Amino acid sequence: MNSDLTDLERSAVNASLSALEKQKSAVVVYASVVGSHMRGLDSRNSDIDLFAIGVENPTTYLLHGDTQDYRDELSYDIGTGVEIKYWSLGALYDALVEDNPTAVEAIQSTNESIHNIHHSEWITVSSLVSSQTNTYQLLHHYRSLATNNYNRYMEGESEVDVKRATIVLDALLRSAYIEDTADLPPLKDGDLVSETKKYGHIPSDLQSLRTGMGNTLPELYYEICEQKSDHTASNTVSFERLTCPDHDSNSIIDAALDRDVAPYESNDYGSGINGELLAPLLEQIAERVWNVESVDNIRVRF
């Protein structure tokens, strides 16, 4: 289980997963921490966000067949808040072949997952995700996340919430990392910042952007992350810290979002996850949960 969780948090996670299995008549075969805990940006009041994959029992599957590809968001409050995003195995398949960012990030974290039945299969699934995901779709997902949060919560404000600032800068750095490398960005924000600071890993025109205080995007992000994790520091950021005097835009974020993204080239960004390779891996997991030799006659949809 993730070593970053406290004993109280571990107990809450275990209790939540047990309650989920009873409610869904399912076996949870995979669960990983996502959100601020996964990023290393959690604070004292942060909920634990989980992404869980379940396999329904054979009777439920026979009764409902293909309709069991649900994606549910459930909430459990057991002393420490635990928020669970629960998908069936069929929903995971659909999401991964669509290069869904939520699914890709969750499976990318297999080595740090907190609940992992049939580890060898999940390692293979994770390798498939890492090698085949069309990262261009993720690039635009992160840019949209940054744009929407910036326009809604930051633009035109003299003081902005430190959490919103980290969300926007995190998404900007992730999109820039993909644009420069065509690879999946590191999950942990500390790794993302260190790689962008040490190796560049962002387009050269973004590397040249600096705030009025002389900070690059990675440096600014690192400072704001440090402020967010400091419980004695202010929970707001002065918009003045984001200004970019050498650019016509109001802020370094404006400047980063206004630029054109490099054009799509399929050979650079990946062709997308191959469903014909993914399906047998997920079928093996279902077979082992149900203790059967084949799921061909149980109408598994992959």
Protein backbone atom coordinates (compact mmCIF):
# COMPACT_ATOMS: atom_id res chain seq x y z
CA MET A 1 0.00 0.00 0.00
CA ASN A 2 1.15 3.55 -0.71
CA SER A 3 3.73 4.44 1.94
CA ASP A 4 2.70 8.12 1.88
CA LEU A 5 -0.61 7.31 3.60
CA THR A 6 -0.89 7.44 7.38
CA ASP A 7 -2.20 4.48 9.38
CA LEU A 8 -5.55 6.25 9.75
CA GLU A 9 -5.74 6.87 6.02
CA ARG A 10 -4.84 3.23 5.25
CA SER A 11 -7.65 2.06 7.55
CA ALA A 12 -10.11 4.40 5.84
CA VAL A 13 -9.04 3.17 2.40
CA ASN A 14 -9.39 -0.51 3.36
CA ALA A 15 -12.80 0.06 4.92
CA SER A 16 -13.97 2.02 1.88
CA LEU A 17 -12.87 -0.69 -0.57
CA SER A 18 -14.59 -3.38 1.51
CA ALA A 19 -17.81 -1.35 1.56
CA LEU A 20 -17.54 -0.83 -2.20
CA GLU A 21 -17.19 -4.58 -2.83
CA LYS A 22 -20.30 -5.32 -0.78
CA GLN A 23 -22.33 -2.59 -2.47
CA LYS A 24 -21.35 -3.66 -6.00
CA SER A 25 -21.17 -7.44 -5.38
CA ALA A 26 -17.75 -7.20 -6.98
CA VAL A 27 -14.11 -7.95 -6.35
CA VAL A 28 -11.89 -4.87 -6.46
CA VAL A 29 -8.88 -5.99 -8.48
CA TYR A 30 -7.08 -2.68 -8.72
CA ALA A 31 -7.05 0.59 -6.80
CA SER A 32 -4.65 3.49 -6.91
CA VAL A 33 -4.43 6.89 -5.28
CA VAL A 34 -5.09 9.75 -7.70
CA GLY A 35 -5.50 13.51 -7.31
CA SER A 36 -3.41 15.58 -4.92
CA HIS A 37 -2.01 12.58 -3.00
CA MET A 38 -0.72 11.02 -6.22
CA ARG A 39 0.80 14.34 -7.30
CA GLY A 40 2.43 14.90 -3.91
CA LEU A 41 0.38 18.07 -3.47
CA ASP A 42 -1.92 16.93 -0.66
CA SER A 43 -2.44 19.18 2.32
CA ARG A 44 -3.66 18.50 5.83
CA ASN A 45 -7.31 18.80 4.73
CA SER A 46 -7.05 16.89 1.43
CA ASP A 47 -9.43 14.01 0.80
CA ILE A 48 -8.01 10.72 -0.46
CA ASP A 49 -9.06 10.21 -4.07
CA LEU A 50 -9.09 6.59 -5.27
CA PHE A 51 -9.53 5.05 -8.69
CA ALA A 52 -10.86 1.48 -8.31
CA ILE A 53 -11.51 -1.28 -10.85
CA GLY A 54 -13.91 -4.10 -10.01
CA VAL A 55 -14.97 -7.44 -11.47
CA GLU A 56 -18.62 -8.34 -10.82
CA ASN A 57 -19.48 -11.84 -9.72
CA PRO A 58 -20.44 -14.24 -12.56
CA THR A 59 -24.16 -14.25 -11.66
CA THR A 60 -24.35 -10.47 -11.88
CA TYR A 61 -22.46 -10.50 -15.17
CA LEU A 62 -24.66 -13.21 -16.67
CA LEU A 63 -27.81 -11.30 -15.70
CA HIS A 64 -26.64 -7.94 -17.04
CA GLY A 65 -23.93 -8.73 -19.59
CA ASP A 66 -22.70 -5.72 -21.50
CA THR A 67 -24.68 -3.23 -19.40
CA GLN A 68 -22.16 -3.67 -16.58
CA ASP A 69 -19.62 -1.25 -18.06
CA TYR A 70 -20.51 1.39 -15.49
CA ARG A 71 -18.45 4.28 -14.28
CA ASP A 72 -19.59 5.40 -10.85
CA GLU A 73 -18.28 8.02 -8.48
CA LEU A 74 -18.90 7.02 -4.86
CA SER A 75 -18.11 8.79 -1.63
CA TYR A 76 -17.25 7.24 1.72
CA ASP A 77 -16.62 9.22 4.89
CA ILE A 78 -14.99 7.07 7.57
CA GLY A 79 -13.17 9.55 9.79
CA THR A 80 -10.86 10.50 6.94
CA GLY A 81 -12.58 11.47 3.69
CA VAL A 82 -12.19 8.90 0.90
CA GLU A 83 -13.57 9.65 -2.55
CA ILE A 84 -13.76 6.65 -4.90
CA LYS A 85 -14.11 6.71 -8.66
CA TYR A 86 -15.23 3.16 -9.46
CA TRP A 87 -15.23 1.55 -12.90
CA SER A 88 -15.97 -1.97 -14.02
CA LEU A 89 -13.36 -3.87 -16.02
CA GLY A 90 -15.41 -3.22 -19.18
CA ALA A 91 -15.43 0.52 -18.54
CA LEU A 92 -11.67 0.47 -18.09
CA TYR A 93 -11.25 -1.24 -21.45
CA ASP A 94 -13.40 1.40 -23.20
CA ALA A 95 -11.54 4.23 -21.50
CA LEU A 96 -8.05 2.95 -22.26
CA VAL A 97 -8.69 2.35 -25.95
CA GLU A 98 -9.97 5.95 -26.04
CA ASP A 99 -6.77 7.17 -24.30
CA ASN A 100 -8.89 8.53 -21.44
CA PRO A 101 -6.61 10.68 -19.22
CA THR A 102 -8.13 9.49 -15.92
CA ALA A 103 -7.63 5.83 -16.81
CA VAL A 104 -4.17 6.39 -18.28
CA GLU A 105 -2.89 8.18 -15.16
CA ALA A 106 -4.38 5.59 -12.80
CA ILE A 107 -2.88 2.61 -14.65
CA GLN A 108 0.40 4.46 -15.14
CA SER A 109 0.76 4.38 -11.35
CA THR A 110 0.62 0.55 -11.13
CA ASN A 111 3.92 0.29 -9.27
CA GLU A 112 2.53 2.55 -6.54
CA SER A 113 -1.01 1.14 -6.49
CA ILE A 114 -2.48 0.47 -3.07
CA HIS A 115 -4.54 -2.61 -3.98
CA ASN A 116 -3.40 -4.79 -6.82
CA ILE A 117 -4.72 -8.33 -7.37
CA HIS A 118 -2.91 -10.25 -10.14
CA HIS A 119 0.06 -7.90 -10.17
CA SER A 120 1.80 -9.40 -13.22
CA GLU A 121 -1.17 -8.72 -15.50
CA TRP A 122 -1.44 -5.14 -14.30
CA ILE A 123 2.27 -4.57 -14.89
CA THR A 124 1.74 -5.72 -18.48
CA VAL A 125 -1.31 -3.47 -18.87
CA SER A 126 0.71 -0.56 -17.49
CA SER A 127 3.54 -1.24 -19.95
CA LEU A 128 1.02 -1.30 -22.79
CA VAL A 129 -0.42 2.04 -21.65
CA SER A 130 3.03 3.62 -21.36
CA SER A 131 4.14 2.49 -24.83
CA GLN A 132 0.95 2.98 -26.86
CA THR A 133 -1.07 5.85 -25.40
CA ASN A 134 -1.72 8.65 -27.87
CA THR A 135 -0.17 11.41 -25.78
CA TYR A 136 -1.37 14.15 -28.14
CA GLN A 137 -4.88 13.70 -26.71
CA LEU A 138 -3.47 14.06 -23.20
CA LEU A 139 -1.59 17.20 -24.25
CA HIS A 140 -4.86 18.88 -25.22
CA HIS A 141 -6.61 17.53 -22.13
CA TYR A 142 -4.03 19.25 -19.90
CA ARG A 143 -4.16 22.47 -21.93
CA SER A 144 -7.96 22.54 -21.65
CA LEU A 145 -7.74 21.91 -17.91
CA ALA A 146 -5.31 24.80 -17.53
CA THR A 147 -7.37 27.13 -19.75
CA ASN A 148 -10.70 26.41 -18.06
CA ASN A 149 -9.36 26.83 -14.52
CA TYR A 150 -7.40 29.96 -15.43
CA ASN A 151 -10.35 31.64 -17.16
CA ARG A 152 -12.78 30.73 -14.41
CA TYR A 153 -10.78 31.30 -11.25
CA MET A 154 -7.68 33.39 -11.95
CA GLU A 155 -7.94 35.82 -14.85
CA GLY A 156 -8.57 39.38 -13.71
CA GLU A 157 -8.21 38.56 -9.99
CA SER A 158 -5.70 40.42 -7.82
CA GLU A 159 -5.37 37.40 -5.49
CA VAL A 160 -5.85 33.79 -6.59
CA ASP A 161 -6.29 30.60 -4.59
CA VAL A 162 -2.99 28.75 -4.24
CA LYS A 163 -4.68 25.41 -5.02
CA ARG A 164 -6.07 26.78 -8.31
CA ALA A 165 -2.68 28.19 -9.21
CA THR A 166 -1.04 24.78 -8.70
CA ILE A 167 -3.71 23.06 -10.80
CA VAL A 168 -3.19 25.47 -13.69
CA LEU A 169 0.61 25.41 -13.58
CA ASP A 170 0.67 21.63 -13.17
CA ALA A 171 -1.51 21.17 -16.24
CA LEU A 172 0.61 23.66 -18.21
CA LEU A 173 3.85 21.86 -17.38
CA ARG A 174 2.34 18.47 -18.24
CA SER A 175 1.15 19.64 -21.64
CA ALA A 176 4.53 21.28 -22.29
CA TYR A 177 6.37 18.10 -21.27
CA ILE A 178 4.31 16.02 -23.73
CA GLU A 179 4.80 18.57 -26.51
CA ASP A 180 8.56 18.42 -26.05
CA THR A 181 9.03 14.68 -25.44
CA ALA A 182 5.83 13.02 -26.79
CA ASP A 183 5.99 10.85 -23.64
CA LEU A 184 3.74 10.52 -20.62
CA PRO A 185 4.83 13.05 -17.97
CA PRO A 186 5.98 11.88 -14.52
CA LEU A 187 3.09 11.39 -12.11
CA LYS A 188 4.72 13.06 -9.11
CA ASP A 189 4.92 16.83 -9.34
CA GLY A 190 8.34 16.86 -7.73
CA ASP A 191 9.64 14.60 -10.52
CA LEU A 192 7.92 16.73 -13.15
CA VAL A 193 9.49 19.93 -11.84
CA SER A 194 12.96 18.43 -11.44
CA GLU A 195 12.92 16.99 -14.96
CA THR A 196 11.75 20.24 -16.54
CA LYS A 197 14.33 22.22 -14.57
CA LYS A 198 17.22 19.80 -15.10
CA TYR A 199 16.65 18.61 -18.67
CA GLY A 200 14.40 21.31 -20.12
CA HIS A 201 11.65 19.04 -21.42
CA ILE A 202 9.50 22.01 -22.38
CA PRO A 203 9.55 23.79 -25.76
CA SER A 204 12.27 26.43 -26.08
CA ASP A 205 9.84 29.35 -26.42
CA LEU A 206 8.26 28.37 -23.10
CA GLN A 207 11.68 28.02 -21.45
CA SER A 208 12.39 31.66 -22.31
CA LEU A 209 9.25 32.99 -20.58
CA ARG A 210 9.91 34.65 -17.23
CA THR A 211 7.83 36.48 -14.67
CA GLY A 212 8.63 39.98 -13.46
CA MET A 213 10.50 38.31 -10.57
CA GLY A 214 12.64 36.34 -13.04
CA ASN A 215 11.03 32.92 -12.54
CA THR A 216 10.55 30.39 -15.31
CA LEU A 217 7.34 28.31 -15.36
CA PRO A 218 8.93 25.35 -13.49
CA GLU A 219 10.51 27.70 -10.93
CA LEU A 220 7.23 29.53 -10.37
CA TYR A 221 5.38 26.23 -10.02
CA TYR A 222 7.92 24.93 -7.51
CA GLU A 223 7.57 28.08 -5.39
CA ILE A 224 3.77 27.90 -5.36
CA CYS A 225 3.83 24.18 -4.52
CA GLU A 226 6.11 24.97 -1.58
CA GLN A 227 3.68 27.67 -0.46
CA LYS A 228 0.73 25.27 -0.74
CA SER A 229 2.44 22.65 1.43
CA ASP A 230 3.44 25.22 4.08
CA HIS A 231 0.53 25.34 6.54
CA THR A 232 1.75 28.68 7.92
CA ALA A 233 1.87 30.40 4.52
CA SER A 234 -0.89 32.37 2.83
CA ASN A 235 -3.45 30.35 0.90
CA THR A 236 -3.55 32.94 -1.88
CA VAL A 237 -1.11 34.03 -4.55
CA SER A 238 -0.77 37.63 -5.68
CA PHE A 239 -1.48 37.88 -9.40
CA GLU A 240 1.47 40.27 -9.57
CA ARG A 241 3.80 37.26 -9.08
CA LEU A 242 2.52 35.86 -12.38
CA THR A 243 3.13 38.93 -14.55
CA CYS A 244 5.24 38.54 -17.67
CA PRO A 245 6.65 41.99 -18.57
CA ASP A 246 8.40 40.84 -21.76
CA HIS A 247 5.14 39.60 -23.26
CA ASP A 248 2.00 41.44 -24.32
CA SER A 249 -0.13 39.09 -22.19
CA ASN A 250 -1.09 39.90 -18.62
CA SER A 251 0.68 36.90 -17.12
CA ILE A 252 3.11 34.09 -17.85
CA ILE A 253 0.08 31.77 -17.93
CA ASP A 254 -1.58 33.92 -20.61
CA ALA A 255 1.62 33.80 -22.62
CA ALA A 256 1.87 30.01 -22.32
CA LEU A 257 -1.77 29.44 -23.29
CA ASP A 258 -1.75 31.92 -26.20
CA ARG A 259 1.00 30.12 -28.10
CA ASP A 260 0.31 27.56 -30.82
CA VAL A 261 0.96 23.91 -30.03
CA ALA A 262 3.27 21.88 -32.26
CA PRO A 263 1.31 20.04 -35.00
CA TYR A 264 0.27 16.43 -34.54
CA GLU A 265 2.57 13.75 -35.90
CA SER A 266 1.28 10.24 -35.22
CA ASN A 267 4.73 8.64 -35.15
CA ASP A 268 5.79 10.97 -32.33
CA TYR A 269 2.72 10.84 -30.12
CA GLY A 270 1.71 7.15 -30.30
CA SER A 271 -1.01 5.40 -32.25
CA GLY A 272 -3.32 4.67 -29.31
CA ILE A 273 -3.80 1.57 -27.17
CA ASN A 274 -4.46 -1.59 -29.19
CA GLY A 275 -7.70 -3.17 -27.95
CA GLU A 276 -6.74 -6.57 -29.37
CA LEU A 277 -3.68 -6.62 -27.11
CA LEU A 278 -5.48 -5.16 -24.09
CA ALA A 279 -8.54 -7.44 -24.12
CA PRO A 280 -6.75 -10.76 -23.36
CA LEU A 281 -4.99 -9.20 -20.38
CA LEU A 282 -8.25 -8.01 -18.85
CA GLU A 283 -9.90 -11.35 -19.66
CA GLN A 284 -7.14 -13.16 -17.74
CA ILE A 285 -7.92 -11.03 -14.69
CA ALA A 286 -11.65 -11.86 -14.92
CA GLU A 287 -10.91 -15.58 -15.40
CA ARG A 288 -8.71 -15.70 -12.31
CA VAL A 289 -11.25 -13.83 -10.18
CA TRP A 290 -14.02 -16.21 -11.30
CA ASN A 291 -11.72 -19.25 -11.20
CA VAL A 292 -12.70 -20.42 -14.70
CA GLU A 293 -10.57 -21.52 -17.65
CA SER A 294 -12.29 -19.28 -20.18
CA VAL A 295 -14.71 -16.36 -20.15
CA ASP A 296 -15.72 -16.88 -23.80
CA ASN A 297 -19.12 -18.25 -22.82
CA ILE A 298 -19.84 -15.58 -20.22
CA ARG A 299 -20.34 -12.81 -22.75
CA VAL A 300 -17.33 -10.73 -21.80
CA ARG A 301 -17.48 -7.86 -24.24
CA PHE A 302 -13.83 -7.05 -24.91
